[in-house]
Amino acid sequence: MNASEPALGAVELKVGEPGPLAAALAGEHARILLEVAFGADTAAVQPPGGLRLGVPNRALGGSPPTEVWLSGRPVERGRRGEIAWAGNGEALFGCVTRGLEQGTAAATRAAFAELLALADEQGCPHLVRVWNFLPGINDEERGVERYRLFNIGRAAAFDERYGESEAERRFSASSAVGAPGTRLVTCFAAAASAGLHLGNPRQVHAYRYPADYGPRAPSFSRATLAPAALGGALFLSGTASVAGHETRHAGSLEGQLDETLLNIEALLGAGAAGGPLPGLRDFDLVRVYLRSAAAVGCVRARLRERLGERVPLVFVEADICRSELLLEIEGVALG
């Protein structure tokens, strides 16, 4: 897409260092939907230039720490309770942070209840992507892993908004990884019209996991193909070394990377109703979450062999939702 002639309502994604990116976007403030900066404060703020989210996780290995989503037309901004948002009538981005003092399940339930209500009120009721950064994701809280409590709260918010049978059809692409600090950070993209939520032929739908993984299964789809208002983007959920519903290659970074890439390629190769999906080399951003910063060099080299040099690679330090998992990969390919 030519940045000087954006399509009506569509979005663009820019990734880079804060200074050069700000210079490149001079005069574009009216079109900024969202800026995400890794290694920053946890608070979601709303400066004059647009909605900005600071995520405390470190960008690794010289990765560009900032990404900016741009609208094809002027943007309206506002707040609803604790959520800061920006939208153009057909696409909506929002960010919220919440402390965990009252418990992870309660905090998650409140955050999702508020974001789902905002999306409805703004005429963009269809989630296409949600990013979650959860402090102590593998720690126990009153004897229960915090990620499982997160899943309880998230599922409760969907059930209360839509009813249990309808909720399953609303689950979009998503990720949940660990984060420093004490506040849950949640960011989302939604649209006025529905996207297409996709499964993976190598994996059980996350929302149908057996009770071994907690009293409520994770409420997300493996990927979402967004409508035209979001550039027809394919949002790939956080994908890890899980086949069926079981972890594979515990303790092996290379084994987990290979299994994760098999999962991604299986999903992309399965296509979607109406046509094929982009290949990995067509992605506009691939983000890798790593437990160990020392793994960057090895993972980068192997991914460059598979993706080539064009695709922006961003490495972020984060714990993964299962304690035995060492990495997780997500991405976006604009239409």
C-alpha atoms as a PDB file:
ATOM      1  CA  MET A   1       0.000   0.000   0.000  1.00  0.00           C
ATOM      2  CA  ASN A   2       1.268   3.477  -0.844  1.00  0.00           C
ATOM      3  CA  ALA A   3       1.350   5.424   2.426  1.00  0.00           C
ATOM      4  CA  SER A   4       0.415   8.643   0.600  1.00  0.00           C
ATOM      5  CA  GLU A   5      -2.669   7.088  -0.978  1.00  0.00           C
ATOM      6  CA  PRO A   6      -4.202   4.794   1.663  1.00  0.00           C
ATOM      7  CA  ALA A   7      -7.326   2.851   0.801  1.00  0.00           C
ATOM      8  CA  LEU A   8     -10.448   4.097   2.503  1.00  0.00           C
ATOM      9  CA  GLY A   9     -10.791   2.449   5.903  1.00  0.00           C
ATOM     10  CA  ALA A  10      -7.878   0.056   5.421  1.00  0.00           C
ATOM     11  CA  VAL A  11      -4.905  -0.060   7.801  1.00  0.00           C
ATOM     12  CA  GLU A  12      -1.144  -0.075   7.490  1.00  0.00           C
ATOM     13  CA  LEU A  13       1.502  -1.405   9.863  1.00  0.00           C
ATOM     14  CA  LYS A  14       4.910   0.184  10.405  1.00  0.00           C
ATOM     15  CA  VAL A  15       7.693  -1.335  12.538  1.00  0.00           C
ATOM     16  CA  GLY A  16      10.929   0.342  13.591  1.00  0.00           C
ATOM     17  CA  GLU A  17      12.980   2.315  16.083  1.00  0.00           C
ATOM     18  CA  PRO A  18      11.048   5.081  17.878  1.00  0.00           C
ATOM     19  CA  GLY A  19      13.042   8.030  16.517  1.00  0.00           C
ATOM     20  CA  PRO A  20      13.198   7.125  12.813  1.00  0.00           C
ATOM     21  CA  LEU A  21       9.616   5.864  12.920  1.00  0.00           C
ATOM     22  CA  ALA A  22       8.378   9.140  14.424  1.00  0.00           C
ATOM     23  CA  ALA A  23      10.237  11.084  11.721  1.00  0.00           C
ATOM     24  CA  ALA A  24       8.766   8.906   8.978  1.00  0.00           C
ATOM     25  CA  LEU A  25       5.266   9.459  10.351  1.00  0.00           C
ATOM     26  CA  ALA A  26       5.538  13.237  10.770  1.00  0.00           C
ATOM     27  CA  GLY A  27       2.240  14.741   9.664  1.00  0.00           C
ATOM     28  CA  GLU A  28       0.418  11.412   9.988  1.00  0.00           C
ATOM     29  CA  HIS A  29      -0.805  11.822  13.581  1.00  0.00           C
ATOM     30  CA  ALA A  30      -4.435  12.071  12.500  1.00  0.00           C
ATOM     31  CA  ARG A  31      -4.207   8.548  11.082  1.00  0.00           C
ATOM     32  CA  ILE A  32      -2.526   6.760  13.987  1.00  0.00           C
ATOM     33  CA  LEU A  33      -4.757   4.068  15.466  1.00  0.00           C
ATOM     34  CA  LEU A  34      -2.245   2.512  17.829  1.00  0.00           C
ATOM     35  CA  GLU A  35       1.412   2.673  18.785  1.00  0.00           C
ATOM     36  CA  VAL A  36       2.905  -0.212  20.782  1.00  0.00           C
ATOM     37  CA  ALA A  37       6.303   0.195  22.444  1.00  0.00           C
ATOM     38  CA  PHE A  38       8.076  -2.767  24.071  1.00  0.00           C
ATOM     39  CA  GLY A  39      10.295  -2.200  27.077  1.00  0.00           C
ATOM     40  CA  ALA A  40       8.171   0.742  28.219  1.00  0.00           C
ATOM     41  CA  ASP A  41       5.809   1.489  31.099  1.00  0.00           C
ATOM     42  CA  THR A  42       2.687  -0.624  31.551  1.00  0.00           C
ATOM     43  CA  ALA A  43       0.208   2.252  31.407  1.00  0.00           C
ATOM     44  CA  ALA A  44      -1.967   2.806  28.334  1.00  0.00           C
ATOM     45  CA  VAL A  45      -1.914   6.527  27.555  1.00  0.00           C
ATOM     46  CA  GLN A  46      -3.370   8.770  24.892  1.00  0.00           C
ATOM     47  CA  PRO A  47      -0.994  11.504  23.723  1.00  0.00           C
ATOM     48  CA  PRO A  48      -1.979  13.959  20.969  1.00  0.00           C
ATOM     49  CA  GLY A  49      -0.384  11.726  18.334  1.00  0.00           C
ATOM     50  CA  GLY A  50      -2.654   8.771  19.039  1.00  0.00           C
ATOM     51  CA  LEU A  51      -3.249   5.796  21.298  1.00  0.00           C
ATOM     52  CA  ARG A  52       0.027   4.523  22.759  1.00  0.00           C
ATOM     53  CA  LEU A  53       0.573   1.321  24.717  1.00  0.00           C
ATOM     54  CA  GLY A  54       3.719   0.642  26.682  1.00  0.00           C
ATOM     55  CA  VAL A  55       4.471  -3.070  27.212  1.00  0.00           C
ATOM     56  CA  PRO A  56       7.095  -3.892  29.869  1.00  0.00           C
ATOM     57  CA  ASN A  57       8.548  -6.907  28.040  1.00  0.00           C
ATOM     58  CA  ARG A  58      12.003  -6.300  26.539  1.00  0.00           C
ATOM     59  CA  ALA A  59      12.637  -6.367  22.812  1.00  0.00           C
ATOM     60  CA  LEU A  60      15.634  -8.659  22.231  1.00  0.00           C
ATOM     61  CA  GLY A  61      18.567  -8.893  19.869  1.00  0.00           C
ATOM     62  CA  GLY A  62      18.257  -5.433  18.383  1.00  0.00           C
ATOM     63  CA  SER A  63      14.616  -5.985  17.420  1.00  0.00           C
ATOM     64  CA  PRO A  64      12.692  -2.839  16.454  1.00  0.00           C
ATOM     65  CA  PRO A  65      10.710  -2.146  19.655  1.00  0.00           C
ATOM     66  CA  THR A  66       7.875  -0.045  18.211  1.00  0.00           C
ATOM     67  CA  GLU A  67       4.972  -0.769  15.898  1.00  0.00           C
ATOM     68  CA  VAL A  68       2.381   1.687  14.612  1.00  0.00           C
ATOM     69  CA  TRP A  69      -1.003   0.926  13.078  1.00  0.00           C
ATOM     70  CA  LEU A  70      -2.298   3.582  10.672  1.00  0.00           C
ATOM     71  CA  SER A  71      -5.817   4.167   9.404  1.00  0.00           C
ATOM     72  CA  GLY A  72      -6.710   5.026   5.834  1.00  0.00           C
ATOM     73  CA  ARG A  73      -8.858   7.878   7.108  1.00  0.00           C
ATOM     74  CA  PRO A  74      -9.038  10.212  10.120  1.00  0.00           C
ATOM     75  CA  VAL A  75      -9.297   8.657  13.556  1.00  0.00           C
ATOM     76  CA  GLU A  76     -11.504   9.437  16.544  1.00  0.00           C
ATOM     77  CA  ARG A  77     -10.110   8.778  20.024  1.00  0.00           C
ATOM     78  CA  GLY A  78     -11.575   8.486  23.486  1.00  0.00           C
ATOM     79  CA  ARG A  79     -11.788   6.651  26.779  1.00  0.00           C
ATOM     80  CA  ARG A  80     -14.347   4.326  28.308  1.00  0.00           C
ATOM     81  CA  GLY A  81     -13.633   3.624  31.943  1.00  0.00           C
ATOM     82  CA  GLU A  82     -10.093   2.255  32.011  1.00  0.00           C
ATOM     83  CA  ILE A  83      -9.911   1.633  28.249  1.00  0.00           C
ATOM     84  CA  ALA A  84      -8.262   4.081  25.856  1.00  0.00           C
ATOM     85  CA  TRP A  85      -9.405   3.587  22.264  1.00  0.00           C
ATOM     86  CA  ALA A  86      -9.015   4.849  18.711  1.00  0.00           C
ATOM     87  CA  GLY A  87     -11.174   4.025  15.715  1.00  0.00           C
ATOM     88  CA  ASN A  88     -12.287   5.120  12.260  1.00  0.00           C
ATOM     89  CA  GLY A  89     -15.860   3.803  12.281  1.00  0.00           C
ATOM     90  CA  GLU A  90     -14.965   0.442  10.745  1.00  0.00           C
ATOM     91  CA  ALA A  91     -11.848  -0.520  12.726  1.00  0.00           C
ATOM     92  CA  LEU A  92     -11.253  -0.086  16.442  1.00  0.00           C
ATOM     93  CA  PHE A  93      -8.175  -0.519  18.639  1.00  0.00           C
ATOM     94  CA  GLY A  94      -8.245  -0.378  22.413  1.00  0.00           C
ATOM     95  CA  CYS A  95      -5.906  -0.898  25.368  1.00  0.00           C
ATOM     96  CA  VAL A  96      -6.526  -1.494  29.050  1.00  0.00           C
ATOM     97  CA  THR A  97      -4.331  -2.317  32.043  1.00  0.00           C
ATOM     98  CA  ARG A  98      -5.615  -3.651  35.338  1.00  0.00           C
ATOM     99  CA  GLY A  99      -3.988  -4.451  38.657  1.00  0.00           C
ATOM    100  CA  LEU A 100      -4.306  -7.985  39.997  1.00  0.00           C
ATOM    101  CA  GLU A 101      -4.969  -7.066  43.646  1.00  0.00           C
ATOM    102  CA  GLN A 102      -8.466  -8.564  43.561  1.00  0.00           C
ATOM    103  CA  GLY A 103      -7.238 -11.718  41.810  1.00  0.00           C
ATOM    104  CA  THR A 104      -6.374 -12.614  38.238  1.00  0.00           C
ATOM    105  CA  ALA A 105      -9.757 -14.095  37.350  1.00  0.00           C
ATOM    106  CA  ALA A 106     -11.635 -11.025  38.559  1.00  0.00           C
ATOM    107  CA  ALA A 107      -9.243  -8.593  36.856  1.00  0.00           C
ATOM    108  CA  THR A 108      -9.424 -10.472  33.555  1.00  0.00           C
ATOM    109  CA  ARG A 109     -13.192 -10.742  33.689  1.00  0.00           C
ATOM    110  CA  ALA A 110     -13.510  -7.005  34.286  1.00  0.00           C
ATOM    111  CA  ALA A 111     -11.048  -6.088  31.511  1.00  0.00           C
ATOM    112  CA  PHE A 112     -12.772  -8.269  28.924  1.00  0.00           C
ATOM    113  CA  ALA A 113     -16.263  -7.209  29.989  1.00  0.00           C
ATOM    114  CA  GLU A 114     -15.242  -3.598  29.450  1.00  0.00           C
ATOM    115  CA  LEU A 115     -13.558  -4.144  26.094  1.00  0.00           C
ATOM    116  CA  LEU A 116     -16.467  -6.206  24.750  1.00  0.00           C
ATOM    117  CA  ALA A 117     -18.915  -3.509  25.836  1.00  0.00           C
ATOM    118  CA  LEU A 118     -16.769  -0.803  24.203  1.00  0.00           C
ATOM    119  CA  ALA A 119     -16.561  -2.729  20.935  1.00  0.00           C
ATOM    120  CA  ASP A 120     -20.358  -3.031  20.821  1.00  0.00           C
ATOM    121  CA  GLU A 121     -20.878   0.641  21.652  1.00  0.00           C
ATOM    122  CA  GLN A 122     -18.453   1.790  18.961  1.00  0.00           C
ATOM    123  CA  GLY A 123     -20.141  -0.306  16.277  1.00  0.00           C
ATOM    124  CA  CYS A 124     -17.174  -2.681  15.953  1.00  0.00           C
ATOM    125  CA  PRO A 125     -18.449  -5.749  17.818  1.00  0.00           C
ATOM    126  CA  HIS A 126     -16.252  -8.319  16.068  1.00  0.00           C
ATOM    127  CA  LEU A 127     -12.885  -9.000  17.670  1.00  0.00           C
ATOM    128  CA  VAL A 128     -10.136  -9.933  15.237  1.00  0.00           C
ATOM    129  CA  ARG A 129      -7.097  -9.910  17.536  1.00  0.00           C
ATOM    130  CA  VAL A 130      -6.325  -9.691  21.249  1.00  0.00           C
ATOM    131  CA  TRP A 131      -2.864  -9.427  22.857  1.00  0.00           C
ATOM    132  CA  ASN A 132      -2.457 -10.152  26.586  1.00  0.00           C
ATOM    133  CA  PHE A 133       0.586  -9.680  28.818  1.00  0.00           C
ATOM    134  CA  LEU A 134       0.062 -11.350  32.187  1.00  0.00           C
ATOM    135  CA  PRO A 135       2.490 -10.950  35.116  1.00  0.00           C
ATOM    136  CA  GLY A 136       3.615 -14.268  36.596  1.00  0.00           C
ATOM    137  CA  ILE A 137       1.719 -16.266  33.991  1.00  0.00           C
ATOM    138  CA  ASN A 138       3.063 -19.610  35.299  1.00  0.00           C
ATOM    139  CA  ASP A 139       2.977 -18.666  38.996  1.00  0.00           C
ATOM    140  CA  GLU A 140       0.372 -19.995  41.379  1.00  0.00           C
ATOM    141  CA  GLU A 141      -2.280 -17.818  42.955  1.00  0.00           C
ATOM    142  CA  ARG A 142      -4.069 -19.519  45.838  1.00  0.00           C
ATOM    143  CA  GLY A 143      -2.901 -22.882  44.503  1.00  0.00           C
ATOM    144  CA  VAL A 144      -3.997 -22.329  40.884  1.00  0.00           C
ATOM    145  CA  GLU A 145      -1.756 -21.336  37.975  1.00  0.00           C
ATOM    146  CA  ARG A 146      -2.341 -17.727  37.032  1.00  0.00           C
ATOM    147  CA  TYR A 147      -2.871 -18.528  33.336  1.00  0.00           C
ATOM    148  CA  ARG A 148      -5.711 -20.880  34.267  1.00  0.00           C
ATOM    149  CA  LEU A 149      -7.280 -18.111  36.339  1.00  0.00           C
ATOM    150  CA  PHE A 150      -6.899 -15.770  33.385  1.00  0.00           C
ATOM    151  CA  ASN A 151      -8.806 -18.290  31.228  1.00  0.00           C
ATOM    152  CA  ILE A 152     -11.585 -18.492  33.824  1.00  0.00           C
ATOM    153  CA  GLY A 153     -12.028 -14.718  33.844  1.00  0.00           C
ATOM    154  CA  ARG A 154     -11.871 -14.340  30.068  1.00  0.00           C
ATOM    155  CA  ALA A 155     -14.414 -17.105  29.457  1.00  0.00           C
ATOM    156  CA  ALA A 156     -16.768 -15.625  32.060  1.00  0.00           C
ATOM    157  CA  ALA A 157     -16.761 -12.244  30.286  1.00  0.00           C
ATOM    158  CA  PHE A 158     -17.592 -13.842  26.926  1.00  0.00           C
ATOM    159  CA  ASP A 159     -20.319 -16.027  28.448  1.00  0.00           C
ATOM    160  CA  GLU A 160     -21.941 -13.074  30.184  1.00  0.00           C
ATOM    161  CA  ARG A 161     -21.895 -10.957  27.040  1.00  0.00           C
ATOM    162  CA  TYR A 162     -23.010 -13.506  24.469  1.00  0.00           C
ATOM    163  CA  GLY A 163     -24.090 -16.717  26.184  1.00  0.00           C
ATOM    164  CA  GLU A 164     -21.923 -19.817  26.108  1.00  0.00           C
ATOM    165  CA  SER A 165     -23.038 -21.155  22.702  1.00  0.00           C
ATOM    166  CA  GLU A 166     -22.620 -17.819  20.887  1.00  0.00           C
ATOM    167  CA  ALA A 167     -19.371 -16.975  22.663  1.00  0.00           C
ATOM    168  CA  GLU A 168     -17.471 -19.770  20.904  1.00  0.00           C
ATOM    169  CA  ARG A 169     -18.215 -18.176  17.523  1.00  0.00           C
ATOM    170  CA  ARG A 170     -16.748 -14.883  18.783  1.00  0.00           C
ATOM    171  CA  PHE A 171     -13.295 -16.134  19.787  1.00  0.00           C
ATOM    172  CA  SER A 172     -10.643 -14.413  17.684  1.00  0.00           C
ATOM    173  CA  ALA A 173      -6.917 -14.739  17.193  1.00  0.00           C
ATOM    174  CA  SER A 174      -5.157 -14.089  20.488  1.00  0.00           C
ATOM    175  CA  SER A 175      -2.030 -14.534  22.561  1.00  0.00           C
ATOM    176  CA  ALA A 176      -1.247 -14.493  26.276  1.00  0.00           C
ATOM    177  CA  VAL A 177       2.337 -14.395  27.485  1.00  0.00           C
ATOM    178  CA  GLY A 178       4.057 -13.506  30.716  1.00  0.00           C
ATOM    179  CA  ALA A 179       5.138  -9.975  31.598  1.00  0.00           C
ATOM    180  CA  PRO A 180       7.095  -8.080  34.247  1.00  0.00           C
ATOM    181  CA  GLY A 181       5.253  -5.837  36.654  1.00  0.00           C
ATOM    182  CA  THR A 182       1.957  -6.185  38.461  1.00  0.00           C
ATOM    183  CA  ARG A 183      -0.650  -5.214  35.875  1.00  0.00           C
ATOM    184  CA  LEU A 184      -2.454  -7.223  33.216  1.00  0.00           C
ATOM    185  CA  VAL A 185      -2.023  -5.481  29.856  1.00  0.00           C
ATOM    186  CA  THR A 186      -4.632  -6.195  27.180  1.00  0.00           C
ATOM    187  CA  CYS A 187      -4.819  -4.700  23.703  1.00  0.00           C
ATOM    188  CA  PHE A 188      -7.336  -5.539  20.993  1.00  0.00           C
ATOM    189  CA  ALA A 189      -8.403  -4.871  17.413  1.00  0.00           C
ATOM    190  CA  ALA A 190     -12.045  -5.139  16.347  1.00  0.00           C
ATOM    191  CA  ALA A 191     -14.086  -4.447  13.238  1.00  0.00           C
ATOM    192  CA  ALA A 192     -17.590  -3.441  12.193  1.00  0.00           C
ATOM    193  CA  SER A 193     -17.980  -6.604  10.133  1.00  0.00           C
ATOM    194  CA  ALA A 194     -17.039 -10.134  11.081  1.00  0.00           C
ATOM    195  CA  GLY A 195     -13.754 -11.773  10.248  1.00  0.00           C
ATOM    196  CA  LEU A 196     -13.223 -15.486   9.642  1.00  0.00           C
ATOM    197  CA  HIS A 197     -11.868 -17.395  12.643  1.00  0.00           C
ATOM    198  CA  LEU A 198      -9.693 -20.358  11.685  1.00  0.00           C
ATOM    199  CA  GLY A 199      -8.631 -23.624  13.248  1.00  0.00           C
ATOM    200  CA  ASN A 200      -5.481 -25.663  12.697  1.00  0.00           C
ATOM    201  CA  PRO A 201      -5.665 -29.231  11.326  1.00  0.00           C
ATOM    202  CA  ARG A 202      -2.754 -30.276  13.584  1.00  0.00           C
ATOM    203  CA  GLN A 203      -4.280 -28.907  16.777  1.00  0.00           C
ATOM    204  CA  VAL A 204      -7.440 -29.214  18.816  1.00  0.00           C
ATOM    205  CA  HIS A 205      -9.354 -25.936  18.989  1.00  0.00           C
ATOM    206  CA  ALA A 206      -7.989 -24.235  22.108  1.00  0.00           C
ATOM    207  CA  TYR A 207     -11.531 -23.569  23.346  1.00  0.00           C
ATOM    208  CA  ARG A 208     -12.166 -27.340  23.307  1.00  0.00           C
ATOM    209  CA  TYR A 209      -9.153 -28.418  25.335  1.00  0.00           C
ATOM    210  CA  PRO A 210      -9.885 -31.109  27.933  1.00  0.00           C
ATOM    211  CA  ALA A 211     -10.143 -30.219  31.605  1.00  0.00           C
ATOM    212  CA  ASP A 212      -6.495 -31.258  32.134  1.00  0.00           C
ATOM    213  CA  TYR A 213      -5.619 -27.671  31.216  1.00  0.00           C
ATOM    214  CA  GLY A 214      -7.951 -26.002  33.668  1.00  0.00           C
ATOM    215  CA  PRO A 215     -11.647 -25.585  34.481  1.00  0.00           C
ATOM    216  CA  ARG A 216     -12.132 -23.259  31.471  1.00  0.00           C
ATOM    217  CA  ALA A 217     -10.397 -23.742  28.160  1.00  0.00           C
ATOM    218  CA  PRO A 218      -8.572 -20.840  26.476  1.00  0.00           C
ATOM    219  CA  SER A 219     -11.029 -18.597  24.607  1.00  0.00           C
ATOM    220  CA  PHE A 220      -9.333 -18.001  21.254  1.00  0.00           C
ATOM    221  CA  SER A 221      -9.030 -19.212  17.671  1.00  0.00           C
ATOM    222  CA  ARG A 222      -5.786 -20.205  15.979  1.00  0.00           C
ATOM    223  CA  ALA A 223      -6.013 -17.320  13.498  1.00  0.00           C
ATOM    224  CA  THR A 224      -8.452 -14.714  12.214  1.00  0.00           C
ATOM    225  CA  LEU A 225      -8.797 -13.424   8.677  1.00  0.00           C
ATOM    226  CA  ALA A 226      -9.928  -9.837   9.192  1.00  0.00           C
ATOM    227  CA  PRO A 227     -12.388  -7.946   6.981  1.00  0.00           C
ATOM    228  CA  ALA A 228     -11.347  -5.234   4.522  1.00  0.00           C
ATOM    229  CA  ALA A 229     -11.555  -2.501   7.187  1.00  0.00           C
ATOM    230  CA  LEU A 230      -8.446  -4.041   8.726  1.00  0.00           C
ATOM    231  CA  GLY A 231      -6.700  -4.547   5.435  1.00  0.00           C
ATOM    232  CA  GLY A 232      -7.917  -8.112   5.029  1.00  0.00           C
ATOM    233  CA  ALA A 233      -5.133  -8.945   7.465  1.00  0.00           C
ATOM    234  CA  LEU A 234      -4.434 -12.479   8.582  1.00  0.00           C
ATOM    235  CA  PHE A 235      -3.777 -12.414  12.323  1.00  0.00           C
ATOM    236  CA  LEU A 236      -1.870 -15.498  13.457  1.00  0.00           C
ATOM    237  CA  SER A 237      -2.386 -16.343  17.124  1.00  0.00           C
ATOM    238  CA  GLY A 238       0.486 -17.151  19.412  1.00  0.00           C
ATOM    239  CA  THR A 239       1.527 -20.594  18.162  1.00  0.00           C
ATOM    240  CA  ALA A 240       3.745 -23.039  20.030  1.00  0.00           C
ATOM    241  CA  SER A 241       4.950 -26.643  20.064  1.00  0.00           C
ATOM    242  CA  VAL A 242       1.545 -28.202  20.717  1.00  0.00           C
ATOM    243  CA  ALA A 243       0.162 -31.055  18.614  1.00  0.00           C
ATOM    244  CA  GLY A 244      -3.430 -32.024  19.265  1.00  0.00           C
ATOM    245  CA  HIS A 245      -3.534 -30.528  22.735  1.00  0.00           C
ATOM    246  CA  GLU A 246      -0.225 -31.906  24.045  1.00  0.00           C
ATOM    247  CA  THR A 247       3.143 -30.198  24.378  1.00  0.00           C
ATOM    248  CA  ARG A 248       5.865 -31.637  22.154  1.00  0.00           C
ATOM    249  CA  HIS A 249       9.672 -31.542  22.547  1.00  0.00           C
ATOM    250  CA  ALA A 250       9.823 -30.402  26.168  1.00  0.00           C
ATOM    251  CA  GLY A 251      13.295 -29.052  26.879  1.00  0.00           C
ATOM    252  CA  SER A 252      14.365 -28.811  23.217  1.00  0.00           C
ATOM    253  CA  LEU A 253      14.420 -25.329  21.712  1.00  0.00           C
ATOM    254  CA  GLU A 254      15.121 -26.576  18.191  1.00  0.00           C
ATOM    255  CA  GLY A 255      12.459 -29.279  18.447  1.00  0.00           C
ATOM    256  CA  GLN A 256       9.876 -26.772  19.653  1.00  0.00           C
ATOM    257  CA  LEU A 257      10.769 -24.300  16.913  1.00  0.00           C
ATOM    258  CA  ASP A 258      10.373 -26.971  14.223  1.00  0.00           C
ATOM    259  CA  GLU A 259       7.047 -28.145  15.682  1.00  0.00           C
ATOM    260  CA  THR A 260       5.784 -24.570  15.890  1.00  0.00           C
ATOM    261  CA  LEU A 261       6.662 -23.939  12.249  1.00  0.00           C
ATOM    262  CA  LEU A 262       4.898 -27.164  11.269  1.00  0.00           C
ATOM    263  CA  ASN A 263       1.789 -25.869  13.027  1.00  0.00           C
ATOM    264  CA  ILE A 264       1.955 -22.501  11.300  1.00  0.00           C
ATOM    265  CA  GLU A 265       2.515 -24.019   7.879  1.00  0.00           C
ATOM    266  CA  ALA A 266      -0.354 -26.495   8.416  1.00  0.00           C
ATOM    267  CA  LEU A 267      -2.738 -23.647   9.204  1.00  0.00           C
ATOM    268  CA  LEU A 268      -1.593 -21.536   6.262  1.00  0.00           C
ATOM    269  CA  GLY A 269      -1.628 -24.520   3.929  1.00  0.00           C
ATOM    270  CA  ALA A 270      -5.188 -25.455   4.886  1.00  0.00           C
ATOM    271  CA  GLY A 271      -6.422 -22.153   3.447  1.00  0.00           C
ATOM    272  CA  ALA A 272      -9.755 -20.542   4.215  1.00  0.00           C
ATOM    273  CA  ALA A 273     -13.191 -20.425   2.673  1.00  0.00           C
ATOM    274  CA  GLY A 274     -12.818 -18.452  -0.527  1.00  0.00           C
ATOM    275  CA  GLY A 275      -9.161 -18.976  -1.185  1.00  0.00           C
ATOM    276  CA  PRO A 276      -5.584 -19.608  -0.054  1.00  0.00           C
ATOM    277  CA  LEU A 277      -3.851 -17.881   2.835  1.00  0.00           C
ATOM    278  CA  PRO A 278      -0.545 -16.026   2.595  1.00  0.00           C
ATOM    279  CA  GLY A 279       2.669 -17.927   3.122  1.00  0.00           C
ATOM    280  CA  LEU A 280       5.132 -17.162   5.891  1.00  0.00           C
ATOM    281  CA  ARG A 281       7.315 -15.181   3.501  1.00  0.00           C
ATOM    282  CA  ASP A 282       4.337 -12.886   2.831  1.00  0.00           C
ATOM    283  CA  PHE A 283       3.948 -11.779   6.457  1.00  0.00           C
ATOM    284  CA  ASP A 284       4.367  -8.112   7.386  1.00  0.00           C
ATOM    285  CA  LEU A 285       5.452  -8.915  10.936  1.00  0.00           C
ATOM    286  CA  VAL A 286       6.508 -12.058  12.786  1.00  0.00           C
ATOM    287  CA  ARG A 287       6.957 -11.761  16.549  1.00  0.00           C
ATOM    288  CA  VAL A 288       8.747 -14.436  18.581  1.00  0.00           C
ATOM    289  CA  TYR A 289       8.334 -14.648  22.349  1.00  0.00           C
ATOM    290  CA  LEU A 290      11.300 -16.323  24.043  1.00  0.00           C
ATOM    291  CA  ARG A 291      11.805 -17.434  27.634  1.00  0.00           C
ATOM    292  CA  SER A 292      15.552 -17.054  27.268  1.00  0.00           C
ATOM    293  CA  ALA A 293      17.206 -14.022  25.692  1.00  0.00           C
ATOM    294  CA  ALA A 294      20.185 -16.262  24.883  1.00  0.00           C
ATOM    295  CA  ALA A 295      18.072 -18.136  22.313  1.00  0.00           C
ATOM    296  CA  VAL A 296      17.712 -15.170  19.943  1.00  0.00           C
ATOM    297  CA  GLY A 297      20.692 -15.935  17.703  1.00  0.00           C
ATOM    298  CA  CYS A 298      19.778 -19.559  17.087  1.00  0.00           C
ATOM    299  CA  VAL A 299      16.087 -18.867  16.482  1.00  0.00           C
ATOM    300  CA  ARG A 300      16.749 -15.862  14.257  1.00  0.00           C
ATOM    301  CA  ALA A 301      19.122 -17.839  12.012  1.00  0.00           C
ATOM    302  CA  ARG A 302      16.650 -20.679  11.551  1.00  0.00           C
ATOM    303  CA  LEU A 303      13.732 -18.350  10.911  1.00  0.00           C
ATOM    304  CA  ARG A 304      15.669 -16.358   8.323  1.00  0.00           C
ATOM    305  CA  GLU A 305      16.252 -19.598   6.435  1.00  0.00           C
ATOM    306  CA  ARG A 306      12.493 -20.159   6.324  1.00  0.00           C
ATOM    307  CA  LEU A 307      11.194 -16.593   5.980  1.00  0.00           C
ATOM    308  CA  GLY A 308      13.901 -14.874   3.962  1.00  0.00           C
ATOM    309  CA  GLU A 309      15.136 -11.351   4.685  1.00  0.00           C
ATOM    310  CA  ARG A 310      12.024  -9.269   3.863  1.00  0.00           C
ATOM    311  CA  VAL A 311       9.801 -10.187   6.821  1.00  0.00           C
ATOM    312  CA  PRO A 312      10.368  -8.006   9.922  1.00  0.00           C
ATOM    313  CA  LEU A 313      11.326 -10.255  12.847  1.00  0.00           C
ATOM    314  CA  VAL A 314      10.732  -9.010  16.389  1.00  0.00           C
ATOM    315  CA  PHE A 315      11.983 -10.949  19.414  1.00  0.00           C
ATOM    316  CA  VAL A 316      10.439 -10.281  22.817  1.00  0.00           C
ATOM    317  CA  GLU A 317      11.370 -11.750  26.204  1.00  0.00           C
ATOM    318  CA  ALA A 318       8.358 -13.441  27.787  1.00  0.00           C
ATOM    319  CA  ASP A 319       7.300 -16.548  29.655  1.00  0.00           C
ATOM    320  CA  ILE A 320       4.924 -18.769  27.674  1.00  0.00           C
ATOM    321  CA  CYS A 321       1.498 -19.979  28.818  1.00  0.00           C
ATOM    322  CA  ARG A 322       2.777 -23.505  29.582  1.00  0.00           C
ATOM    323  CA  SER A 323       5.832 -23.749  31.805  1.00  0.00           C
ATOM    324  CA  GLU A 324       7.488 -26.344  29.553  1.00  0.00           C
ATOM    325  CA  LEU A 325       7.201 -24.191  26.415  1.00  0.00           C
ATOM    326  CA  LEU A 326      10.279 -22.195  25.422  1.00  0.00           C
ATOM    327  CA  LEU A 327       8.913 -20.067  22.588  1.00  0.00           C
ATOM    328  CA  GLU A 328       5.793 -18.857  20.842  1.00  0.00           C
ATOM    329  CA  ILE A 329       5.378 -17.268  17.403  1.00  0.00           C
ATOM    330  CA  GLU A 330       2.670 -14.907  16.181  1.00  0.00           C
ATOM    331  CA  GLY A 331       2.346 -12.660  13.156  1.00  0.00           C
ATOM    332  CA  VAL A 332       0.265 -10.564  10.799  1.00  0.00           C
ATOM    333  CA  ALA A 333       0.021 -10.530   7.011  1.00  0.00           C
ATOM    334  CA  LEU A 334      -1.844  -7.553   5.552  1.00  0.00           C
ATOM    335  CA  GLY A 335      -4.056  -8.201   2.541  1.00  0.00           C
END
